[in-house]
Every structure is written in C-alpha cells, then in structure tokens.
Amino acid sequence: MAHSKRGTILITVLWVVTILVVIVLGMVYEARKDVDRTILMRDRSKAYWLARAGVERAKYDVAVSKLSANEEDQSKSFYRYEMTEGFVECSIESDSAKMPLNTGNRDLWKQAFKVFQLEESAIDELCDAIIDWRDPDDETQLNGAERDYYQSLNPPYEPRNGPFMSVEELLLVRGITEEMFYGNPTKGTPGLKDIVGLSNANQPRLDINSANEAVLMAFLEITKEEAQAIIQARQEHLFQNVQEAGSLVSIEAADKLNQFFMAYQGNQISIRSTGYVYNSPARYTVEDVVRYVGGGQLFVTVSHKDFSLDHAAPLETEEDE
C-alpha cells in the first residue's frame, strides 16, 4: 500500500514538473518572440531614416548634375548609397516617364493598347471609348460609348465627361478589363497602371531616361530582356539622345524610339528610396515628388508617399523554418 502511494505521488510530481517545464518553455518562447519583434521594429525605424536620407542625398546629386559641367557629375536614373547602418537604393523618374492619362494623342493610346495583342478594330473601339469618356458632350464616337451605354449597366453610372481624375478610373471605361489594367504576369504582359500616369497631358513624348519596363515594352514593342538592357545602360549614365538607346534595340524598335521618346529629365522628378538595414529583414520605402527651383532652396516637395506596409518583411525565426 505504501509503495502504491509513493508511486502515485511520484507520478503526480512528474506531471507537475512537466507542466511547469511546458509553461516555462512557452514563456521563454514568447519572450524571445517579443525581443525579435522589438528588434525588427527598431530596424524598421532605422530603415525609414535610411530611406529618408537617401531621398535627400539623391536630391543633392541631381542638383549637382544640373549645376556642374563635369561629366562625372551627370545625373543617373539609379543611385545606391552605403551608410553606417545599412544601404539605400534610389530610383529617379521624371514627370515624362509615363504616357499622360489625359493626352489627346490617339497614336499614344493606340500604341499602348498594342501590348495586349488586340485587333486594330478593338483598339479603335477602346480609343473611341476613352475619347467619349473625356469629352464634355453626349455625342458618341464611331465605336465609342456615351451616357446611354453606362446608364444601361447594372449598376448604372455616369461617364466623367471631363479629364480622368485617377488612373484607376480607366476601369470604368467600356472595354477596359482588369487584365488590361493590372497586366498578366503569366503572359508577361504589363498593365495600363504601369504604362499610364497623371503627367502633363501636353507632353509630346516620353522620357527614355526614366520610362519603366512596362512603358518600354509597350511603346517599343520589345521583350522584357531588351527593356532591362535599356534600364541597365542608363543607370550609370543618362542617355544624351534617343539614338544612344537605339543601339540596344532592333531597327523597328529604333523607329518607334524616335516617334515616342525623347532624352529628357525635367525639373519635376519622383525619387523612390528604399532603406535596407545590414543583417536584418527590415526595409522601408518612401517616395517624394520634388520640383527643382534652384537658388538656395534647390527643391520644393510636391508630394510624399509612404510604402512601409508594402515593404514590411515578414519576421522569420528558426522556429518558423
């Protein structure tokens, strides 16, 4: 009987010890996760200030390129800065990098729609629909759509009958599909959201020095690899004229290069800066649109965007692997 009691007590003690061990291990695990999260938040804060520092450094380098006659100081479309806590990557884009959303140039719209490999008649319908969306009257273009069409939808809505207010508004125009707007990565097709921007509607051509991959593919009818070759070439030295970029593409693409592009970087630019912390998954991206005004001020800020949520790296620990 005594042996039985002692056995019961021993088993009870072992269970108590096991439960205590589990509780302690759980507390240790949670404490470690809390420490990891705190470190990550600290590093994200560092990455933010690295990104902000990158914007200011890029503004300085752009200003130097405008004021200096030295060839070594010429502006680039990409900068990388090594700093004490990490490094920063900055991309520079002019206000002429994308096709103007409110352009009246039908040739630009037709070329933009060619990237979707549509029939000529389908492209004409889309162009007419865009004209009808923007013009102030209710007179329908040959292949367009006016108020009667949009009111027949479920739910019905009114056409703008004025300039587009946002790129996303294109999704309301008859014939514009989500695949056309967002692109199709499987097919390697870019989307209108990457091709069209809210730039000056009167700009005659696009800037070869800051046009993105999607714009280059659409307006030059080239492959992703050819577009990347152009982007790589201008990162170290901006093109002085479009002919310099022409050597990187076919003769057919070179003709379109002269038709749709120019070598230009205006006084208003977009600086997208991403800060990375050494030995950390943390990163932070900001984007400033600035206008060069010269004088003692040099730049004025037009707008600021914060992309921290889009660039928040997930926390990974050994237990997650």
C-alpha atoms as a PDB file:
ATOM      1  CA  MET A   1       0.000   0.000   0.000  1.00  0.00           C
ATOM      2  CA  ALA A   2       2.822   2.376   0.909  1.00  0.00           C
ATOM      3  CA  HIS A   3       4.568   1.599  -2.372  1.00  0.00           C
ATOM      4  CA  SER A   4       1.357   2.395  -4.259  1.00  0.00           C
ATOM      5  CA  LYS A   5       1.019   5.794  -2.527  1.00  0.00           C
ATOM      6  CA  ARG A   6       4.649   6.626  -3.204  1.00  0.00           C
ATOM      7  CA  GLY A   7       4.160   5.725  -6.889  1.00  0.00           C
ATOM      8  CA  THR A   8       1.087   7.914  -7.128  1.00  0.00           C
ATOM      9  CA  ILE A   9       2.915  10.838  -5.523  1.00  0.00           C
ATOM     10  CA  LEU A  10       5.901  10.342  -7.863  1.00  0.00           C
ATOM     11  CA  ILE A  11       3.654  10.343 -10.927  1.00  0.00           C
ATOM     12  CA  THR A  12       1.866  13.457  -9.670  1.00  0.00           C
ATOM     13  CA  VAL A  13       5.187  15.226  -9.086  1.00  0.00           C
ATOM     14  CA  LEU A  14       6.389  14.278 -12.584  1.00  0.00           C
ATOM     15  CA  TRP A  15       3.189  15.677 -14.113  1.00  0.00           C
ATOM     16  CA  VAL A  16       3.572  18.893 -12.143  1.00  0.00           C
ATOM     17  CA  VAL A  17       7.196  19.220 -13.244  1.00  0.00           C
ATOM     18  CA  THR A  18       6.220  18.534 -16.871  1.00  0.00           C
ATOM     19  CA  ILE A  19       3.506  21.192 -16.771  1.00  0.00           C
ATOM     20  CA  LEU A  20       5.898  23.704 -15.200  1.00  0.00           C
ATOM     21  CA  VAL A  21       8.519  22.955 -17.854  1.00  0.00           C
ATOM     22  CA  VAL A  22       5.945  23.472 -20.625  1.00  0.00           C
ATOM     23  CA  ILE A  23       4.841  26.769 -19.047  1.00  0.00           C
ATOM     24  CA  VAL A  24       8.424  27.977 -18.677  1.00  0.00           C
ATOM     25  CA  LEU A  25       9.308  26.983 -22.240  1.00  0.00           C
ATOM     26  CA  GLY A  26       6.208  28.802 -23.504  1.00  0.00           C
ATOM     27  CA  MET A  27       7.157  31.916 -21.570  1.00  0.00           C
ATOM     28  CA  VAL A  28      10.720  31.740 -22.882  1.00  0.00           C
ATOM     29  CA  TYR A  29       9.410  31.322 -26.453  1.00  0.00           C
ATOM     30  CA  GLU A  30       7.044  34.286 -26.146  1.00  0.00           C
ATOM     31  CA  ALA A  31       9.778  36.387 -24.548  1.00  0.00           C
ATOM     32  CA  ARG A  32      12.107  35.562 -27.424  1.00  0.00           C
ATOM     33  CA  LYS A  33       9.421  36.439 -29.979  1.00  0.00           C
ATOM     34  CA  ASP A  34       8.827  39.740 -28.197  1.00  0.00           C
ATOM     35  CA  VAL A  35      12.532  40.502 -28.325  1.00  0.00           C
ATOM     36  CA  ASP A  36      12.669  39.612 -32.028  1.00  0.00           C
ATOM     37  CA  ARG A  37       9.664  41.824 -32.763  1.00  0.00           C
ATOM     38  CA  THR A  38      11.217  44.690 -30.823  1.00  0.00           C
ATOM     39  CA  ILE A  39      14.471  44.322 -32.752  1.00  0.00           C
ATOM     40  CA  LEU A  40      12.570  44.237 -36.045  1.00  0.00           C
ATOM     41  CA  MET A  41      10.612  47.378 -35.153  1.00  0.00           C
ATOM     42  CA  ARG A  42      13.868  49.077 -34.220  1.00  0.00           C
ATOM     43  CA  ASP A  43      15.415  48.045 -37.539  1.00  0.00           C
ATOM     44  CA  ARG A  44      12.376  49.245 -39.498  1.00  0.00           C
ATOM     45  CA  SER A  45      12.757  52.613 -37.835  1.00  0.00           C
ATOM     46  CA  LYS A  46      16.397  52.642 -38.933  1.00  0.00           C
ATOM     47  CA  ALA A  47      15.343  51.639 -42.457  1.00  0.00           C
ATOM     48  CA  TYR A  48      12.854  54.523 -42.566  1.00  0.00           C
ATOM     49  CA  TRP A  49      15.509  57.086 -41.744  1.00  0.00           C
ATOM     50  CA  LEU A  50      17.893  55.466 -44.207  1.00  0.00           C
ATOM     51  CA  ALA A  51      15.213  55.853 -46.896  1.00  0.00           C
ATOM     52  CA  ARG A  52      14.656  59.490 -45.947  1.00  0.00           C
ATOM     53  CA  ALA A  53      18.407  60.103 -46.028  1.00  0.00           C
ATOM     54  CA  GLY A  54      18.517  58.510 -49.466  1.00  0.00           C
ATOM     55  CA  VAL A  55      15.943  60.995 -50.792  1.00  0.00           C
ATOM     56  CA  GLU A  56      17.985  63.936 -49.529  1.00  0.00           C
ATOM     57  CA  ARG A  57      21.241  62.519 -50.908  1.00  0.00           C
ATOM     58  CA  ALA A  58      19.621  61.864 -54.295  1.00  0.00           C
ATOM     59  CA  LYS A  59      18.283  65.444 -54.378  1.00  0.00           C
ATOM     60  CA  TYR A  60      21.813  66.662 -53.748  1.00  0.00           C
ATOM     61  CA  ASP A  61      23.258  64.537 -56.558  1.00  0.00           C
ATOM     62  CA  VAL A  62      20.540  65.662 -59.002  1.00  0.00           C
ATOM     63  CA  ALA A  63      21.199  69.303 -58.088  1.00  0.00           C
ATOM     64  CA  VAL A  64      24.939  68.807 -58.616  1.00  0.00           C
ATOM     65  CA  SER A  65      24.273  67.287 -62.054  1.00  0.00           C
ATOM     66  CA  LYS A  66      22.229  70.360 -63.040  1.00  0.00           C
ATOM     67  CA  LEU A  67      24.814  72.844 -61.804  1.00  0.00           C
ATOM     68  CA  SER A  68      28.026  71.066 -62.821  1.00  0.00           C
ATOM     69  CA  ALA A  69      29.584  70.840 -66.270  1.00  0.00           C
ATOM     70  CA  ASN A  70      31.712  67.893 -65.146  1.00  0.00           C
ATOM     71  CA  GLU A  71      30.761  64.705 -66.995  1.00  0.00           C
ATOM     72  CA  GLU A  72      31.329  62.634 -63.843  1.00  0.00           C
ATOM     73  CA  ASP A  73      28.548  64.595 -62.118  1.00  0.00           C
ATOM     74  CA  GLN A  74      25.897  63.846 -64.724  1.00  0.00           C
ATOM     75  CA  SER A  75      22.596  62.568 -63.364  1.00  0.00           C
ATOM     76  CA  LYS A  76      21.702  58.883 -63.308  1.00  0.00           C
ATOM     77  CA  SER A  77      18.398  57.051 -63.045  1.00  0.00           C
ATOM     78  CA  PHE A  78      19.585  54.887 -60.139  1.00  0.00           C
ATOM     79  CA  TYR A  79      21.730  55.581 -57.077  1.00  0.00           C
ATOM     80  CA  ARG A  80      22.999  53.282 -54.337  1.00  0.00           C
ATOM     81  CA  TYR A  81      24.403  54.724 -51.125  1.00  0.00           C
ATOM     82  CA  GLU A  82      26.313  52.766 -48.492  1.00  0.00           C
ATOM     83  CA  MET A  83      25.773  54.075 -44.954  1.00  0.00           C
ATOM     84  CA  THR A  84      26.811  53.101 -41.435  1.00  0.00           C
ATOM     85  CA  GLU A  85      23.684  51.136 -40.504  1.00  0.00           C
ATOM     86  CA  GLY A  86      22.751  49.883 -43.974  1.00  0.00           C
ATOM     87  CA  PHE A  87      22.369  50.943 -47.585  1.00  0.00           C
ATOM     88  CA  VAL A  88      19.848  52.807 -49.736  1.00  0.00           C
ATOM     89  CA  GLU A  89      18.668  52.300 -53.322  1.00  0.00           C
ATOM     90  CA  CYS A  90      17.065  55.266 -55.088  1.00  0.00           C
ATOM     91  CA  SER A  91      15.374  55.330 -58.483  1.00  0.00           C
ATOM     92  CA  ILE A  92      14.748  58.634 -60.273  1.00  0.00           C
ATOM     93  CA  GLU A  93      11.746  59.094 -62.549  1.00  0.00           C
ATOM     94  CA  SER A  94      10.865  62.270 -64.439  1.00  0.00           C
ATOM     95  CA  ASP A  95       7.361  63.625 -64.900  1.00  0.00           C
ATOM     96  CA  SER A  96       7.503  62.400 -68.506  1.00  0.00           C
ATOM     97  CA  ALA A  97       8.198  58.764 -67.646  1.00  0.00           C
ATOM     98  CA  LYS A  98       4.676  57.505 -68.400  1.00  0.00           C
ATOM     99  CA  MET A  99       2.039  58.200 -71.020  1.00  0.00           C
ATOM    100  CA  PRO A 100      -0.207  61.083 -69.880  1.00  0.00           C
ATOM    101  CA  LEU A 101      -3.593  59.750 -68.825  1.00  0.00           C
ATOM    102  CA  ASN A 102      -5.390  62.770 -70.283  1.00  0.00           C
ATOM    103  CA  THR A 103      -3.471  63.019 -73.518  1.00  0.00           C
ATOM    104  CA  GLY A 104      -5.432  63.727 -76.671  1.00  0.00           C
ATOM    105  CA  ASN A 105      -2.778  61.977 -78.769  1.00  0.00           C
ATOM    106  CA  ARG A 106      -4.591  58.991 -80.276  1.00  0.00           C
ATOM    107  CA  ASP A 107      -1.325  57.485 -81.548  1.00  0.00           C
ATOM    108  CA  LEU A 108      -0.101  57.149 -77.955  1.00  0.00           C
ATOM    109  CA  TRP A 109      -3.255  55.320 -76.893  1.00  0.00           C
ATOM    110  CA  LYS A 110      -3.162  53.029 -79.922  1.00  0.00           C
ATOM    111  CA  GLN A 111       0.435  52.093 -79.234  1.00  0.00           C
ATOM    112  CA  ALA A 112      -0.307  51.483 -75.536  1.00  0.00           C
ATOM    113  CA  PHE A 113      -3.111  49.063 -76.426  1.00  0.00           C
ATOM    114  CA  LYS A 114      -0.926  47.134 -78.889  1.00  0.00           C
ATOM    115  CA  VAL A 115       0.850  45.468 -75.960  1.00  0.00           C
ATOM    116  CA  PHE A 116      -2.329  43.412 -75.427  1.00  0.00           C
ATOM    117  CA  GLN A 117      -2.129  41.995 -78.971  1.00  0.00           C
ATOM    118  CA  LEU A 118      -5.600  43.252 -79.907  1.00  0.00           C
ATOM    119  CA  GLU A 119      -7.102  43.567 -83.347  1.00  0.00           C
ATOM    120  CA  GLU A 120      -6.967  47.025 -84.915  1.00  0.00           C
ATOM    121  CA  SER A 121     -10.753  47.303 -84.724  1.00  0.00           C
ATOM    122  CA  ALA A 122     -10.700  46.518 -80.981  1.00  0.00           C
ATOM    123  CA  ILE A 123      -8.034  49.175 -80.423  1.00  0.00           C
ATOM    124  CA  ASP A 124     -10.141  51.742 -82.301  1.00  0.00           C
ATOM    125  CA  GLU A 125     -13.132  50.891 -80.087  1.00  0.00           C
ATOM    126  CA  LEU A 126     -11.074  51.429 -76.951  1.00  0.00           C
ATOM    127  CA  CYS A 127      -9.680  54.729 -78.207  1.00  0.00           C
ATOM    128  CA  ASP A 128     -13.162  55.986 -79.118  1.00  0.00           C
ATOM    129  CA  ALA A 129     -14.496  54.920 -75.705  1.00  0.00           C
ATOM    130  CA  ILE A 130     -11.748  56.864 -73.960  1.00  0.00           C
ATOM    131  CA  ILE A 131     -12.452  59.961 -76.071  1.00  0.00           C
ATOM    132  CA  ASP A 132     -16.170  59.735 -75.249  1.00  0.00           C
ATOM    133  CA  TRP A 133     -15.414  59.321 -71.545  1.00  0.00           C
ATOM    134  CA  ARG A 134     -13.369  62.529 -71.536  1.00  0.00           C
ATOM    135  CA  ASP A 135     -15.225  64.823 -73.951  1.00  0.00           C
ATOM    136  CA  PRO A 136     -17.932  67.103 -72.484  1.00  0.00           C
ATOM    137  CA  ASP A 137     -20.727  66.132 -74.907  1.00  0.00           C
ATOM    138  CA  ASP A 138     -23.011  63.121 -75.319  1.00  0.00           C
ATOM    139  CA  GLU A 139     -22.206  62.594 -78.994  1.00  0.00           C
ATOM    140  CA  THR A 140     -20.856  59.072 -79.448  1.00  0.00           C
ATOM    141  CA  GLN A 141     -17.728  58.426 -81.477  1.00  0.00           C
ATOM    142  CA  LEU A 142     -17.999  55.872 -84.288  1.00  0.00           C
ATOM    143  CA  ASN A 143     -17.042  52.997 -81.947  1.00  0.00           C
ATOM    144  CA  GLY A 144     -17.374  54.781 -78.614  1.00  0.00           C
ATOM    145  CA  ALA A 145     -19.759  54.826 -75.653  1.00  0.00           C
ATOM    146  CA  GLU A 146     -21.606  57.668 -74.008  1.00  0.00           C
ATOM    147  CA  ARG A 147     -24.132  58.140 -71.223  1.00  0.00           C
ATOM    148  CA  ASP A 148     -26.774  55.783 -72.698  1.00  0.00           C
ATOM    149  CA  TYR A 149     -24.372  52.846 -72.557  1.00  0.00           C
ATOM    150  CA  TYR A 150     -23.176  53.464 -68.982  1.00  0.00           C
ATOM    151  CA  GLN A 151     -26.726  54.033 -67.751  1.00  0.00           C
ATOM    152  CA  SER A 152     -27.722  50.622 -69.154  1.00  0.00           C
ATOM    153  CA  LEU A 153     -25.228  48.831 -66.900  1.00  0.00           C
ATOM    154  CA  ASN A 154     -26.010  47.284 -63.531  1.00  0.00           C
ATOM    155  CA  PRO A 155     -25.321  49.312 -61.510  1.00  0.00           C
ATOM    156  CA  PRO A 156     -25.558  52.337 -63.838  1.00  0.00           C
ATOM    157  CA  TYR A 157     -23.138  55.255 -63.591  1.00  0.00           C
ATOM    158  CA  GLU A 158     -22.292  58.478 -65.393  1.00  0.00           C
ATOM    159  CA  PRO A 159     -19.260  58.941 -67.646  1.00  0.00           C
ATOM    160  CA  ARG A 160     -16.810  61.590 -66.478  1.00  0.00           C
ATOM    161  CA  ASN A 161     -17.304  63.934 -69.471  1.00  0.00           C
ATOM    162  CA  GLY A 162     -14.076  65.561 -68.395  1.00  0.00           C
ATOM    163  CA  PRO A 163     -10.431  64.713 -67.652  1.00  0.00           C
ATOM    164  CA  PHE A 164      -9.626  61.497 -65.791  1.00  0.00           C
ATOM    165  CA  MET A 165      -9.091  62.101 -62.076  1.00  0.00           C
ATOM    166  CA  SER A 166      -7.106  58.903 -61.448  1.00  0.00           C
ATOM    167  CA  VAL A 167      -5.528  56.040 -63.376  1.00  0.00           C
ATOM    168  CA  GLU A 168      -7.944  53.599 -61.685  1.00  0.00           C
ATOM    169  CA  GLU A 169     -10.817  55.418 -63.398  1.00  0.00           C
ATOM    170  CA  LEU A 170      -9.834  53.633 -66.615  1.00  0.00           C
ATOM    171  CA  LEU A 171     -11.550  50.531 -65.226  1.00  0.00           C
ATOM    172  CA  LEU A 172     -14.891  52.312 -65.661  1.00  0.00           C
ATOM    173  CA  VAL A 173     -14.394  52.847 -69.407  1.00  0.00           C
ATOM    174  CA  ARG A 174     -16.121  50.387 -71.715  1.00  0.00           C
ATOM    175  CA  GLY A 175     -13.772  47.661 -72.919  1.00  0.00           C
ATOM    176  CA  ILE A 176     -11.049  48.146 -70.296  1.00  0.00           C
ATOM    177  CA  THR A 177     -10.726  44.821 -68.450  1.00  0.00           C
ATOM    178  CA  GLU A 178      -8.979  44.090 -65.171  1.00  0.00           C
ATOM    179  CA  GLU A 179      -6.364  42.056 -67.018  1.00  0.00           C
ATOM    180  CA  MET A 180      -5.611  45.011 -69.267  1.00  0.00           C
ATOM    181  CA  PHE A 181      -5.390  47.340 -66.291  1.00  0.00           C
ATOM    182  CA  TYR A 182      -3.324  45.124 -63.961  1.00  0.00           C
ATOM    183  CA  GLY A 183      -1.430  43.120 -66.591  1.00  0.00           C
ATOM    184  CA  ASN A 184      -0.882  39.373 -66.834  1.00  0.00           C
ATOM    185  CA  PRO A 185       2.392  38.123 -65.280  1.00  0.00           C
ATOM    186  CA  THR A 186       1.817  34.647 -66.734  1.00  0.00           C
ATOM    187  CA  LYS A 187       1.825  36.047 -70.272  1.00  0.00           C
ATOM    188  CA  GLY A 188       4.477  38.637 -69.420  1.00  0.00           C
ATOM    189  CA  THR A 189       2.068  41.437 -70.336  1.00  0.00           C
ATOM    190  CA  PRO A 190       2.318  44.741 -68.421  1.00  0.00           C
ATOM    191  CA  GLY A 191      -0.791  46.602 -67.302  1.00  0.00           C
ATOM    192  CA  LEU A 192      -2.120  50.069 -68.058  1.00  0.00           C
ATOM    193  CA  LYS A 193      -1.499  51.044 -64.429  1.00  0.00           C
ATOM    194  CA  ASP A 194       2.236  50.724 -65.161  1.00  0.00           C
ATOM    195  CA  ILE A 195       2.080  52.473 -68.538  1.00  0.00           C
ATOM    196  CA  VAL A 196      -0.162  55.471 -67.853  1.00  0.00           C
ATOM    197  CA  GLY A 197       0.356  58.261 -65.313  1.00  0.00           C
ATOM    198  CA  LEU A 198      -1.008  61.618 -64.239  1.00  0.00           C
ATOM    199  CA  SER A 199       1.685  63.601 -66.019  1.00  0.00           C
ATOM    200  CA  ASN A 200       1.378  66.693 -68.203  1.00  0.00           C
ATOM    201  CA  ALA A 201      -1.282  65.982 -70.836  1.00  0.00           C
ATOM    202  CA  ASN A 202       0.576  68.169 -73.354  1.00  0.00           C
ATOM    203  CA  GLN A 203       3.937  66.408 -73.194  1.00  0.00           C
ATOM    204  CA  PRO A 204       4.778  65.320 -76.743  1.00  0.00           C
ATOM    205  CA  ARG A 205       6.872  62.242 -75.998  1.00  0.00           C
ATOM    206  CA  LEU A 206       8.064  60.020 -73.146  1.00  0.00           C
ATOM    207  CA  ASP A 207      11.361  60.189 -71.307  1.00  0.00           C
ATOM    208  CA  ILE A 208      13.714  57.378 -72.325  1.00  0.00           C
ATOM    209  CA  ASN A 209      15.826  58.085 -69.236  1.00  0.00           C
ATOM    210  CA  SER A 210      13.155  57.133 -66.720  1.00  0.00           C
ATOM    211  CA  ALA A 211      10.472  55.151 -68.587  1.00  0.00           C
ATOM    212  CA  ASN A 212       9.840  51.915 -66.721  1.00  0.00           C
ATOM    213  CA  GLU A 213       9.967  48.384 -68.089  1.00  0.00           C
ATOM    214  CA  ALA A 214       6.247  48.320 -68.951  1.00  0.00           C
ATOM    215  CA  VAL A 215       6.398  51.606 -70.892  1.00  0.00           C
ATOM    216  CA  LEU A 216       9.457  50.468 -72.855  1.00  0.00           C
ATOM    217  CA  MET A 217       7.835  47.133 -73.735  1.00  0.00           C
ATOM    218  CA  ALA A 218       4.589  48.779 -74.842  1.00  0.00           C
ATOM    219  CA  PHE A 219       5.913  51.676 -76.904  1.00  0.00           C
ATOM    220  CA  LEU A 220       8.940  49.964 -78.425  1.00  0.00           C
ATOM    221  CA  GLU A 221       7.299  46.542 -78.787  1.00  0.00           C
ATOM    222  CA  ILE A 222      10.331  44.865 -77.275  1.00  0.00           C
ATOM    223  CA  THR A 223      10.872  41.993 -74.853  1.00  0.00           C
ATOM    224  CA  LYS A 224      11.373  42.286 -71.128  1.00  0.00           C
ATOM    225  CA  GLU A 225      15.060  41.467 -71.582  1.00  0.00           C
ATOM    226  CA  GLU A 226      15.548  44.280 -74.110  1.00  0.00           C
ATOM    227  CA  ALA A 227      13.769  46.713 -71.806  1.00  0.00           C
ATOM    228  CA  GLN A 228      16.037  45.666 -68.941  1.00  0.00           C
ATOM    229  CA  ALA A 229      19.089  46.299 -71.151  1.00  0.00           C
ATOM    230  CA  ILE A 230      17.966  49.904 -71.674  1.00  0.00           C
ATOM    231  CA  ILE A 231      17.310  50.380 -67.961  1.00  0.00           C
ATOM    232  CA  GLN A 232      20.697  48.900 -67.064  1.00  0.00           C
ATOM    233  CA  ALA A 233      22.510  51.149 -69.546  1.00  0.00           C
ATOM    234  CA  ARG A 234      21.021  54.399 -68.212  1.00  0.00           C
ATOM    235  CA  GLN A 235      21.629  53.595 -64.546  1.00  0.00           C
ATOM    236  CA  GLU A 236      25.250  54.643 -64.839  1.00  0.00           C
ATOM    237  CA  HIS A 237      24.832  57.402 -67.410  1.00  0.00           C
ATOM    238  CA  LEU A 238      21.673  59.039 -68.725  1.00  0.00           C
ATOM    239  CA  PHE A 239      21.190  58.980 -72.491  1.00  0.00           C
ATOM    240  CA  GLN A 240      22.018  62.307 -74.094  1.00  0.00           C
ATOM    241  CA  ASN A 241      19.730  61.492 -77.027  1.00  0.00           C
ATOM    242  CA  VAL A 242      17.421  58.661 -78.066  1.00  0.00           C
ATOM    243  CA  GLN A 243      19.925  57.433 -80.652  1.00  0.00           C
ATOM    244  CA  GLU A 244      22.156  56.206 -77.819  1.00  0.00           C
ATOM    245  CA  ALA A 245      19.380  53.856 -76.724  1.00  0.00           C
ATOM    246  CA  GLY A 246      18.706  52.869 -80.325  1.00  0.00           C
ATOM    247  CA  SER A 247      21.845  50.755 -80.438  1.00  0.00           C
ATOM    248  CA  LEU A 248      20.295  48.421 -77.845  1.00  0.00           C
ATOM    249  CA  VAL A 249      17.176  47.533 -79.834  1.00  0.00           C
ATOM    250  CA  SER A 250      16.160  46.387 -83.309  1.00  0.00           C
ATOM    251  CA  ILE A 251      15.734  48.736 -86.289  1.00  0.00           C
ATOM    252  CA  GLU A 252      11.939  48.518 -85.976  1.00  0.00           C
ATOM    253  CA  ALA A 253      12.090  49.464 -82.301  1.00  0.00           C
ATOM    254  CA  ALA A 254      14.533  52.277 -83.067  1.00  0.00           C
ATOM    255  CA  ASP A 255      11.937  53.852 -85.372  1.00  0.00           C
ATOM    256  CA  LYS A 256       9.395  53.821 -82.543  1.00  0.00           C
ATOM    257  CA  LEU A 257      12.059  55.186 -80.227  1.00  0.00           C
ATOM    258  CA  ASN A 258      12.294  58.317 -82.380  1.00  0.00           C
ATOM    259  CA  GLN A 259       8.496  58.545 -82.626  1.00  0.00           C
ATOM    260  CA  PHE A 260       7.551  58.175 -78.965  1.00  0.00           C
ATOM    261  CA  PHE A 261      10.608  59.057 -76.863  1.00  0.00           C
ATOM    262  CA  MET A 262      12.981  61.873 -76.029  1.00  0.00           C
ATOM    263  CA  ALA A 263      16.064  62.152 -73.814  1.00  0.00           C
ATOM    264  CA  TYR A 264      14.806  64.455 -71.118  1.00  0.00           C
ATOM    265  CA  GLN A 265      14.717  64.913 -67.386  1.00  0.00           C
ATOM    266  CA  GLY A 266      12.557  67.846 -66.351  1.00  0.00           C
ATOM    267  CA  ASN A 267      12.636  69.887 -63.183  1.00  0.00           C
ATOM    268  CA  GLN A 268       9.940  67.739 -61.531  1.00  0.00           C
ATOM    269  CA  ILE A 269      11.089  64.252 -60.620  1.00  0.00           C
ATOM    270  CA  SER A 270       9.987  61.346 -58.454  1.00  0.00           C
ATOM    271  CA  ILE A 271      12.559  59.845 -56.076  1.00  0.00           C
ATOM    272  CA  ARG A 272      11.692  56.384 -54.723  1.00  0.00           C
ATOM    273  CA  SER A 273      14.078  55.435 -51.939  1.00  0.00           C
ATOM    274  CA  THR A 274      14.317  52.080 -50.124  1.00  0.00           C
ATOM    275  CA  GLY A 275      16.401  51.737 -46.982  1.00  0.00           C
ATOM    276  CA  TYR A 276      17.887  48.356 -46.013  1.00  0.00           C
ATOM    277  CA  VAL A 277      19.445  47.533 -42.635  1.00  0.00           C
ATOM    278  CA  TYR A 278      22.508  45.280 -42.631  1.00  0.00           C
ATOM    279  CA  ASN A 279      21.833  41.726 -41.386  1.00  0.00           C
ATOM    280  CA  SER A 280      18.122  42.376 -40.977  1.00  0.00           C
ATOM    281  CA  PRO A 281      14.957  41.637 -42.995  1.00  0.00           C
ATOM    282  CA  ALA A 282      13.750  45.192 -42.297  1.00  0.00           C
ATOM    283  CA  ARG A 283      13.295  47.602 -45.165  1.00  0.00           C
ATOM    284  CA  TYR A 284      11.324  50.770 -45.756  1.00  0.00           C
ATOM    285  CA  THR A 285      10.349  52.633 -48.908  1.00  0.00           C
ATOM    286  CA  VAL A 286       9.326  56.245 -49.364  1.00  0.00           C
ATOM    287  CA  GLU A 287       8.697  58.286 -52.492  1.00  0.00           C
ATOM    288  CA  ASP A 288       8.979  62.047 -52.843  1.00  0.00           C
ATOM    289  CA  VAL A 289       7.908  64.033 -55.874  1.00  0.00           C
ATOM    290  CA  VAL A 290      10.061  67.162 -55.914  1.00  0.00           C
ATOM    291  CA  ARG A 291      10.480  70.169 -58.215  1.00  0.00           C
ATOM    292  CA  TYR A 292      13.856  71.753 -58.837  1.00  0.00           C
ATOM    293  CA  VAL A 293      13.606  75.531 -58.365  1.00  0.00           C
ATOM    294  CA  GLY A 294      17.273  76.416 -57.984  1.00  0.00           C
ATOM    295  CA  GLY A 295      18.571  79.158 -55.739  1.00  0.00           C
ATOM    296  CA  GLY A 296      19.242  78.498 -52.092  1.00  0.00           C
ATOM    297  CA  GLN A 297      16.223  76.222 -51.696  1.00  0.00           C
ATOM    298  CA  LEU A 298      17.023  73.989 -54.703  1.00  0.00           C
ATOM    299  CA  PHE A 299      13.915  71.770 -54.365  1.00  0.00           C
ATOM    300  CA  VAL A 300      10.321  72.045 -53.198  1.00  0.00           C
ATOM    301  CA  THR A 301       8.384  68.911 -52.251  1.00  0.00           C
ATOM    302  CA  VAL A 302       5.223  68.306 -54.289  1.00  0.00           C
ATOM    303  CA  SER A 303       4.080  65.108 -52.571  1.00  0.00           C
ATOM    304  CA  HIS A 304       5.246  62.324 -50.254  1.00  0.00           C
ATOM    305  CA  LYS A 305       4.220  58.665 -50.135  1.00  0.00           C
ATOM    306  CA  ASP A 306       4.996  56.026 -47.567  1.00  0.00           C
ATOM    307  CA  PHE A 307       5.158  52.388 -48.733  1.00  0.00           C
ATOM    308  CA  SER A 308       6.168  50.812 -45.420  1.00  0.00           C
ATOM    309  CA  LEU A 309       3.260  48.341 -45.332  1.00  0.00           C
ATOM    310  CA  ASP A 310       4.044  47.112 -48.838  1.00  0.00           C
ATOM    311  CA  HIS A 311       7.679  46.586 -47.932  1.00  0.00           C
ATOM    312  CA  ALA A 312       7.409  45.147 -44.424  1.00  0.00           C
ATOM    313  CA  ALA A 313       9.481  41.984 -44.498  1.00  0.00           C
ATOM    314  CA  PRO A 314       7.955  39.075 -42.517  1.00  0.00           C
ATOM    315  CA  LEU A 315       9.564  38.101 -39.253  1.00  0.00           C
ATOM    316  CA  GLU A 316      11.365  34.779 -39.619  1.00  0.00           C
ATOM    317  CA  THR A 317      12.903  32.806 -36.806  1.00  0.00           C
ATOM    318  CA  GLU A 318      14.454  29.365 -36.575  1.00  0.00           C
ATOM    319  CA  GLU A 319      11.128  28.007 -35.271  1.00  0.00           C
ATOM    320  CA  ASP A 320       9.333  29.215 -38.438  1.00  0.00           C
ATOM    321  CA  GLU A 321      11.693  27.385 -40.764  1.00  0.00           C
END
